[in-house]
Amino acid sequence: MEHSSKFFMNTACQYFPCHDREGDFNCLFCYCPMYTYKDCLGNPTYKESKGKTIKVCTKCSFPHDPDHYDAIMQFLREHR
């Protein structure tokens, strides 16, 4: 995939790849912009810790799929 404003892959990152995923890996959303939303587009799990619910995204690769850029941007526009 060509590098663009919608995609880049940082294979030099010490955490690359941070999720199990085949194919192109988009590092643009290294920190997921949907993390604070309970109704995010990904597939997080939740766990209880010290009386708080914590969102766990370790098995979610939704923001790293290059084809999901437009859906994420639309989600963020709708949830401002």
PDB file of N, CA and C in Angstrom:
ATOM      1  N   MET A   1       0.843  -1.182   0.000  1.00  0.00           N
ATOM      2  CA  MET A   1       0.000   0.000   0.000  1.00  0.00           C
ATOM      3  C   MET A   1       0.886   1.242   0.000  1.00  0.00           C
ATOM      4  N   GLU A   2       0.513   2.206  -0.785  1.00  0.00           N
ATOM      5  CA  GLU A   2       1.276   3.444  -0.879  1.00  0.00           C
ATOM      6  C   GLU A   2       1.089   4.280   0.382  1.00  0.00           C
ATOM      7  N   HIS A   3       2.170   4.886   0.861  1.00  0.00           N
ATOM      8  CA  HIS A   3       2.071   5.778   2.018  1.00  0.00           C
ATOM      9  C   HIS A   3       1.242   6.997   1.635  1.00  0.00           C
ATOM     10  N   SER A   4       0.362   7.380   2.506  1.00  0.00           N
ATOM     11  CA  SER A   4      -0.501   8.529   2.236  1.00  0.00           C
ATOM     12  C   SER A   4      -0.911   9.141   3.560  1.00  0.00           C
ATOM     13  N   SER A   5      -1.796  10.113   3.525  1.00  0.00           N
ATOM     14  CA  SER A   5      -2.280  10.719   4.763  1.00  0.00           C
ATOM     15  C   SER A   5      -3.200   9.761   5.516  1.00  0.00           C
ATOM     16  N   LYS A   6      -3.602   8.665   4.882  1.00  0.00           N
ATOM     17  CA  LYS A   6      -4.484   7.688   5.511  1.00  0.00           C
ATOM     18  C   LYS A   6      -3.749   6.436   5.991  1.00  0.00           C
ATOM     19  N   PHE A   7      -2.470   6.335   5.693  1.00  0.00           N
ATOM     20  CA  PHE A   7      -1.766   5.093   6.013  1.00  0.00           C
ATOM     21  C   PHE A   7      -0.272   5.304   6.169  1.00  0.00           C
ATOM     22  N   PHE A   8       0.305   4.671   7.172  1.00  0.00           N
ATOM     23  CA  PHE A   8       1.747   4.438   7.212  1.00  0.00           C
ATOM     24  C   PHE A   8       2.026   3.250   8.123  1.00  0.00           C
ATOM     25  N   MET A   9       3.103   2.566   7.853  1.00  0.00           N
ATOM     26  CA  MET A   9       3.490   1.407   8.634  1.00  0.00           C
ATOM     27  C   MET A   9       4.899   1.647   9.162  1.00  0.00           C
ATOM     28  N   ASN A  10       5.040   1.606  10.478  1.00  0.00           N
ATOM     29  CA  ASN A  10       6.319   1.869  11.119  1.00  0.00           C
ATOM     30  C   ASN A  10       6.936   0.560  11.609  1.00  0.00           C
ATOM     31  N   THR A  11       7.614  -0.139  10.737  1.00  0.00           N
ATOM     32  CA  THR A  11       8.217  -1.420  11.112  1.00  0.00           C
ATOM     33  C   THR A  11       9.409  -1.259  12.047  1.00  0.00           C
ATOM     34  N   ALA A  12       9.919  -0.034  12.193  1.00  0.00           N
ATOM     35  CA  ALA A  12      11.038   0.216  13.098  1.00  0.00           C
ATOM     36  C   ALA A  12      10.583   0.408  14.547  1.00  0.00           C
ATOM     37  N   CYS A  13       9.294   0.505  14.775  1.00  0.00           N
ATOM     38  CA  CYS A  13       8.768   0.697  16.131  1.00  0.00           C
ATOM     39  C   CYS A  13       9.103  -0.517  16.989  1.00  0.00           C
ATOM     40  N   GLN A  14       9.493  -0.274  18.215  1.00  0.00           N
ATOM     41  CA  GLN A  14       9.858  -1.382  19.101  1.00  0.00           C
ATOM     42  C   GLN A  14       8.663  -2.273  19.441  1.00  0.00           C
ATOM     43  N   TYR A  15       7.447  -1.773  19.242  1.00  0.00           N
ATOM     44  CA  TYR A  15       6.250  -2.554  19.546  1.00  0.00           C
ATOM     45  C   TYR A  15       5.612  -3.185  18.310  1.00  0.00           C
ATOM     46  N   PHE A  16       6.204  -2.969  17.142  1.00  0.00           N
ATOM     47  CA  PHE A  16       5.611  -3.478  15.901  1.00  0.00           C
ATOM     48  C   PHE A  16       5.802  -4.977  15.782  1.00  0.00           C
ATOM     49  N   PRO A  17       4.800  -5.716  15.423  1.00  0.00           N
ATOM     50  CA  PRO A  17       3.395  -5.314  15.392  1.00  0.00           C
ATOM     51  C   PRO A  17       2.786  -5.436  16.783  1.00  0.00           C
ATOM     52  N   CYS A  18       1.963  -4.493  17.150  1.00  0.00           N
ATOM     53  CA  CYS A  18       1.373  -4.483  18.495  1.00  0.00           C
ATOM     54  C   CYS A  18       0.159  -5.405  18.594  1.00  0.00           C
ATOM     55  N   HIS A  19      -0.373  -5.845  17.460  1.00  0.00           N
ATOM     56  CA  HIS A  19      -1.512  -6.770  17.408  1.00  0.00           C
ATOM     57  C   HIS A  19      -1.223  -7.830  16.358  1.00  0.00           C
ATOM     58  N   ASP A  20      -1.810  -9.010  16.552  1.00  0.00           N
ATOM     59  CA  ASP A  20      -1.715 -10.047  15.521  1.00  0.00           C
ATOM     60  C   ASP A  20      -2.619  -9.641  14.373  1.00  0.00           C
ATOM     61  N   ARG A  21      -2.035  -9.483  13.207  1.00  0.00           N
ATOM     62  CA  ARG A  21      -2.819  -9.079  12.046  1.00  0.00           C
ATOM     63  C   ARG A  21      -2.040  -9.434  10.797  1.00  0.00           C
ATOM     64  N   GLU A  22      -2.717  -9.955   9.813  1.00  0.00           N
ATOM     65  CA  GLU A  22      -2.089 -10.272   8.544  1.00  0.00           C
ATOM     66  C   GLU A  22      -2.313  -9.136   7.566  1.00  0.00           C
ATOM     67  N   GLY A  23      -1.423  -8.988   6.606  1.00  0.00           N
ATOM     68  CA  GLY A  23      -1.571  -7.957   5.588  1.00  0.00           C
ATOM     69  C   GLY A  23      -1.008  -6.618   6.029  1.00  0.00           C
ATOM     70  N   ASP A  24      -1.426  -5.564   5.319  1.00  0.00           N
ATOM     71  CA  ASP A  24      -0.957  -4.219   5.650  1.00  0.00           C
ATOM     72  C   ASP A  24      -1.384  -3.845   7.057  1.00  0.00           C
ATOM     73  N   PHE A  25      -0.497  -3.201   7.785  1.00  0.00           N
ATOM     74  CA  PHE A  25      -0.727  -2.823   9.176  1.00  0.00           C
ATOM     75  C   PHE A  25      -0.601  -1.313   9.277  1.00  0.00           C
ATOM     76  N   ASN A  26      -1.700  -0.632   9.514  1.00  0.00           N
ATOM     77  CA  ASN A  26      -1.705   0.829   9.573  1.00  0.00           C
ATOM     78  C   ASN A  26      -1.370   1.294  10.986  1.00  0.00           C
ATOM     79  N   CYS A  27      -0.280   2.018  11.121  1.00  0.00           N
ATOM     80  CA  CYS A  27       0.149   2.544  12.418  1.00  0.00           C
ATOM     81  C   CYS A  27      -0.367   3.968  12.663  1.00  0.00           C
ATOM     82  N   LEU A  28      -1.141   4.500  11.743  1.00  0.00           N
ATOM     83  CA  LEU A  28      -1.637   5.872  11.867  1.00  0.00           C
ATOM     84  C   LEU A  28      -2.373   6.080  13.184  1.00  0.00           C
ATOM     85  N   PHE A  29      -3.204   5.115  13.567  1.00  0.00           N
ATOM     86  CA  PHE A  29      -3.954   5.228  14.817  1.00  0.00           C
ATOM     87  C   PHE A  29      -3.297   4.364  15.892  1.00  0.00           C
ATOM     88  N   CYS A  30      -2.022   4.583  16.119  1.00  0.00           N
ATOM     89  CA  CYS A  30      -1.277   3.839  17.130  1.00  0.00           C
ATOM     90  C   CYS A  30      -2.009   3.939  18.466  1.00  0.00           C
ATOM     91  N   TYR A  31      -2.411   5.121  18.831  1.00  0.00           N
ATOM     92  CA  TYR A  31      -3.307   5.300  19.968  1.00  0.00           C
ATOM     93  C   TYR A  31      -4.695   5.441  19.377  1.00  0.00           C
ATOM     94  N   CYS A  32      -5.562   4.509  19.654  1.00  0.00           N
ATOM     95  CA  CYS A  32      -6.884   4.485  19.020  1.00  0.00           C
ATOM     96  C   CYS A  32      -7.714   5.698  19.428  1.00  0.00           C
ATOM     97  N   PRO A  33      -8.178   6.488  18.457  1.00  0.00           N
ATOM     98  CA  PRO A  33      -8.983   7.671  18.775  1.00  0.00           C
ATOM     99  C   PRO A  33     -10.382   7.314  19.270  1.00  0.00           C
ATOM    100  N   MET A  34     -10.756   6.045  19.198  1.00  0.00           N
ATOM    101  CA  MET A  34     -12.077   5.621  19.670  1.00  0.00           C
ATOM    102  C   MET A  34     -12.020   4.990  21.057  1.00  0.00           C
ATOM    103  N   TYR A  35     -10.852   4.972  21.669  1.00  0.00           N
ATOM    104  CA  TYR A  35     -10.677   4.290  22.951  1.00  0.00           C
ATOM    105  C   TYR A  35     -11.657   4.777  24.015  1.00  0.00           C
ATOM    106  N   THR A  36     -11.920   6.044  24.056  1.00  0.00           N
ATOM    107  CA  THR A  36     -12.784   6.588  25.112  1.00  0.00           C
ATOM    108  C   THR A  36     -14.270   6.345  24.868  1.00  0.00           C
ATOM    109  N   TYR A  37     -14.626   5.788  23.732  1.00  0.00           N
ATOM    110  CA  TYR A  37     -16.027   5.545  23.397  1.00  0.00           C
ATOM    111  C   TYR A  37     -16.406   4.092  23.645  1.00  0.00           C
ATOM    112  N   LYS A  38     -17.446   3.891  24.431  1.00  0.00           N
ATOM    113  CA  LYS A  38     -17.900   2.527  24.716  1.00  0.00           C
ATOM    114  C   LYS A  38     -18.441   1.852  23.459  1.00  0.00           C
ATOM    115  N   ASP A  39     -19.022   2.643  22.552  1.00  0.00           N
ATOM    116  CA  ASP A  39     -19.614   2.096  21.327  1.00  0.00           C
ATOM    117  C   ASP A  39     -18.660   2.177  20.135  1.00  0.00           C
ATOM    118  N   CYS A  40     -17.369   2.019  20.377  1.00  0.00           N
ATOM    119  CA  CYS A  40     -16.380   2.104  19.304  1.00  0.00           C
ATOM    120  C   CYS A  40     -16.652   1.048  18.239  1.00  0.00           C
ATOM    121  N   LEU A  41     -16.006   1.165  17.118  1.00  0.00           N
ATOM    122  CA  LEU A  41     -16.211   0.251  15.993  1.00  0.00           C
ATOM    123  C   LEU A  41     -15.428  -1.055  16.111  1.00  0.00           C
ATOM    124  N   GLY A  42     -14.530  -1.106  17.052  1.00  0.00           N
ATOM    125  CA  GLY A  42     -13.690  -2.285  17.216  1.00  0.00           C
ATOM    126  C   GLY A  42     -14.368  -3.380  18.022  1.00  0.00           C
ATOM    127  N   ASN A  43     -13.573  -4.291  18.537  1.00  0.00           N
ATOM    128  CA  ASN A  43     -14.104  -5.403  19.316  1.00  0.00           C
ATOM    129  C   ASN A  43     -13.361  -5.545  20.648  1.00  0.00           C
ATOM    130  N   PRO A  44     -13.456  -4.528  21.498  1.00  0.00           N
ATOM    131  CA  PRO A  44     -12.761  -4.609  22.774  1.00  0.00           C
ATOM    132  C   PRO A  44     -13.463  -5.579  23.724  1.00  0.00           C
ATOM    133  N   THR A  45     -12.754  -5.944  24.763  1.00  0.00           N
ATOM    134  CA  THR A  45     -13.358  -6.680  25.866  1.00  0.00           C
ATOM    135  C   THR A  45     -13.256  -5.758  27.078  1.00  0.00           C
ATOM    136  N   TYR A  46     -13.902  -6.129  28.146  1.00  0.00           N
ATOM    137  CA  TYR A  46     -13.892  -5.316  29.358  1.00  0.00           C
ATOM    138  C   TYR A  46     -13.571  -6.205  30.545  1.00  0.00           C
ATOM    139  N   LYS A  47     -12.859  -5.639  31.508  1.00  0.00           N
ATOM    140  CA  LYS A  47     -12.575  -6.387  32.727  1.00  0.00           C
ATOM    141  C   LYS A  47     -12.738  -5.457  33.919  1.00  0.00           C
ATOM    142  N   GLU A  48     -13.001  -6.052  35.036  1.00  0.00           N
ATOM    143  CA  GLU A  48     -13.134  -5.315  36.286  1.00  0.00           C
ATOM    144  C   GLU A  48     -11.799  -5.337  37.021  1.00  0.00           C
ATOM    145  N   SER A  49     -11.415  -4.187  37.531  1.00  0.00           N
ATOM    146  CA  SER A  49     -10.188  -4.102  38.313  1.00  0.00           C
ATOM    147  C   SER A  49     -10.351  -3.022  39.373  1.00  0.00           C
ATOM    148  N   LYS A  50     -10.266  -3.409  40.611  1.00  0.00           N
ATOM    149  CA  LYS A  50     -10.364  -2.481  41.743  1.00  0.00           C
ATOM    150  C   LYS A  50     -11.648  -1.661  41.675  1.00  0.00           C
ATOM    151  N   GLY A  51     -12.741  -2.317  41.303  1.00  0.00           N
ATOM    152  CA  GLY A  51     -14.042  -1.661  41.269  1.00  0.00           C
ATOM    153  C   GLY A  51     -14.299  -0.811  40.040  1.00  0.00           C
ATOM    154  N   LYS A  52     -13.412  -0.848  39.074  1.00  0.00           N
ATOM    155  CA  LYS A  52     -13.581  -0.066  37.847  1.00  0.00           C
ATOM    156  C   LYS A  52     -13.623  -1.002  36.644  1.00  0.00           C
ATOM    157  N   THR A  53     -14.356  -0.583  35.622  1.00  0.00           N
ATOM    158  CA  THR A  53     -14.395  -1.331  34.374  1.00  0.00           C
ATOM    159  C   THR A  53     -13.334  -0.769  33.442  1.00  0.00           C
ATOM    160  N   ILE A  54     -12.496  -1.641  32.935  1.00  0.00           N
ATOM    161  CA  ILE A  54     -11.387  -1.234  32.073  1.00  0.00           C
ATOM    162  C   ILE A  54     -11.589  -1.818  30.680  1.00  0.00           C
ATOM    163  N   LYS A  55     -11.431  -0.983  29.676  1.00  0.00           N
ATOM    164  CA  LYS A  55     -11.539  -1.410  28.287  1.00  0.00           C
ATOM    165  C   LYS A  55     -10.208  -2.039  27.871  1.00  0.00           C
ATOM    166  N   VAL A  56     -10.280  -3.232  27.303  1.00  0.00           N
ATOM    167  CA  VAL A  56      -9.075  -3.959  26.897  1.00  0.00           C
ATOM    168  C   VAL A  56      -9.115  -4.140  25.383  1.00  0.00           C
ATOM    169  N   CYS A  57      -8.140  -3.568  24.696  1.00  0.00           N
ATOM    170  CA  CYS A  57      -8.127  -3.567  23.230  1.00  0.00           C
ATOM    171  C   CYS A  57      -7.008  -4.417  22.636  1.00  0.00           C
ATOM    172  N   THR A  58      -6.398  -5.248  23.442  1.00  0.00           N
ATOM    173  CA  THR A  58      -5.239  -6.002  22.972  1.00  0.00           C
ATOM    174  C   THR A  58      -5.548  -6.951  21.818  1.00  0.00           C
ATOM    175  N   LYS A  59      -6.791  -7.411  21.700  1.00  0.00           N
ATOM    176  CA  LYS A  59      -7.144  -8.317  20.601  1.00  0.00           C
ATOM    177  C   LYS A  59      -7.892  -7.609  19.483  1.00  0.00           C
ATOM    178  N   CYS A  60      -7.951  -6.296  19.537  1.00  0.00           N
ATOM    179  CA  CYS A  60      -8.656  -5.510  18.519  1.00  0.00           C
ATOM    180  C   CYS A  60      -7.634  -4.898  17.553  1.00  0.00           C
ATOM    181  N   SER A  61      -7.816  -5.165  16.282  1.00  0.00           N
ATOM    182  CA  SER A  61      -6.928  -4.565  15.283  1.00  0.00           C
ATOM    183  C   SER A  61      -7.704  -3.661  14.317  1.00  0.00           C
ATOM    184  N   PHE A  62      -8.939  -3.323  14.669  1.00  0.00           N
ATOM    185  CA  PHE A  62      -9.784  -2.524  13.788  1.00  0.00           C
ATOM    186  C   PHE A  62      -9.089  -1.250  13.284  1.00  0.00           C
ATOM    187  N   PRO A  63      -8.485  -0.430  14.150  1.00  0.00           N
ATOM    188  CA  PRO A  63      -7.869   0.806  13.658  1.00  0.00           C
ATOM    189  C   PRO A  63      -6.608   0.578  12.827  1.00  0.00           C
ATOM    190  N   HIS A  64      -6.087  -0.640  12.837  1.00  0.00           N
ATOM    191  CA  HIS A  64      -4.868  -0.930  12.078  1.00  0.00           C
ATOM    192  C   HIS A  64      -5.148  -1.471  10.674  1.00  0.00           C
ATOM    193  N   ASP A  65      -6.412  -1.637  10.356  1.00  0.00           N
ATOM    194  CA  ASP A  65      -6.790  -2.086   9.011  1.00  0.00           C
ATOM    195  C   ASP A  65      -6.893  -0.850   8.121  1.00  0.00           C
ATOM    196  N   PRO A  66      -6.084  -0.753   7.081  1.00  0.00           N
ATOM    197  CA  PRO A  66      -6.101   0.437   6.220  1.00  0.00           C
ATOM    198  C   PRO A  66      -7.476   0.739   5.624  1.00  0.00           C
ATOM    199  N   ASP A  67      -8.299  -0.268   5.443  1.00  0.00           N
ATOM    200  CA  ASP A  67      -9.626  -0.057   4.871  1.00  0.00           C
ATOM    201  C   ASP A  67     -10.609   0.588   5.843  1.00  0.00           C
ATOM    202  N   HIS A  68     -10.233   0.717   7.103  1.00  0.00           N
ATOM    203  CA  HIS A  68     -11.144   1.268   8.106  1.00  0.00           C
ATOM    204  C   HIS A  68     -10.955   2.759   8.374  1.00  0.00           C
ATOM    205  N   TYR A  69     -10.020   3.392   7.704  1.00  0.00           N
ATOM    206  CA  TYR A  69      -9.748   4.813   7.945  1.00  0.00           C
ATOM    207  C   TYR A  69     -11.014   5.668   7.810  1.00  0.00           C
ATOM    208  N   ASP A  70     -11.735   5.528   6.707  1.00  0.00           N
ATOM    209  CA  ASP A  70     -12.919   6.362   6.474  1.00  0.00           C
ATOM    210  C   ASP A  70     -14.000   6.107   7.518  1.00  0.00           C
ATOM    211  N   ALA A  71     -14.194   4.870   7.926  1.00  0.00           N
ATOM    212  CA  ALA A  71     -15.198   4.549   8.946  1.00  0.00           C
ATOM    213  C   ALA A  71     -14.836   5.177  10.285  1.00  0.00           C
ATOM    214  N   ILE A  72     -13.564   5.154  10.632  1.00  0.00           N
ATOM    215  CA  ILE A  72     -13.118   5.768  11.890  1.00  0.00           C
ATOM    216  C   ILE A  72     -13.334   7.277  11.849  1.00  0.00           C
ATOM    217  N   MET A  73     -12.973   7.903  10.745  1.00  0.00           N
ATOM    218  CA  MET A  73     -13.150   9.352  10.632  1.00  0.00           C
ATOM    219  C   MET A  73     -14.634   9.721  10.702  1.00  0.00           C
ATOM    220  N   GLN A  74     -15.499   8.942  10.078  1.00  0.00           N
ATOM    221  CA  GLN A  74     -16.938   9.196  10.134  1.00  0.00           C
ATOM    222  C   GLN A  74     -17.448   9.024  11.569  1.00  0.00           C
ATOM    223  N   PHE A  75     -17.002   8.001  12.250  1.00  0.00           N
ATOM    224  CA  PHE A  75     -17.368   7.762  13.641  1.00  0.00           C
ATOM    225  C   PHE A  75     -16.994   8.965  14.504  1.00  0.00           C
ATOM    226  N   LEU A  76     -15.783   9.475  14.333  1.00  0.00           N
ATOM    227  CA  LEU A  76     -15.322  10.610  15.128  1.00  0.00           C
ATOM    228  C   LEU A  76     -16.127  11.876  14.816  1.00  0.00           C
ATOM    229  N   ARG A  77     -16.487  12.079  13.565  1.00  0.00           N
ATOM    230  CA  ARG A  77     -17.323  13.241  13.214  1.00  0.00           C
ATOM    231  C   ARG A  77     -18.690  13.155  13.891  1.00  0.00           C
ATOM    232  N   GLU A  78     -19.230  11.970  13.960  1.00  0.00           N
ATOM    233  CA  GLU A  78     -20.564  11.781  14.551  1.00  0.00           C
ATOM    234  C   GLU A  78     -20.550  11.818  16.076  1.00  0.00           C
ATOM    235  N   HIS A  79     -19.394  11.635  16.692  1.00  0.00           N
ATOM    236  CA  HIS A  79     -19.301  11.578  18.148  1.00  0.00           C
ATOM    237  C   HIS A  79     -18.569  12.759  18.774  1.00  0.00           C
ATOM    238  N   ARG A  80     -18.542  13.862  18.080  1.00  0.00           N
ATOM    239  CA  ARG A  80     -17.869  15.051  18.654  1.00  0.00           C
ATOM    240  C   ARG A  80     -18.634  15.570  19.825  1.00  0.00           C
TER     241      ARG A  80
END
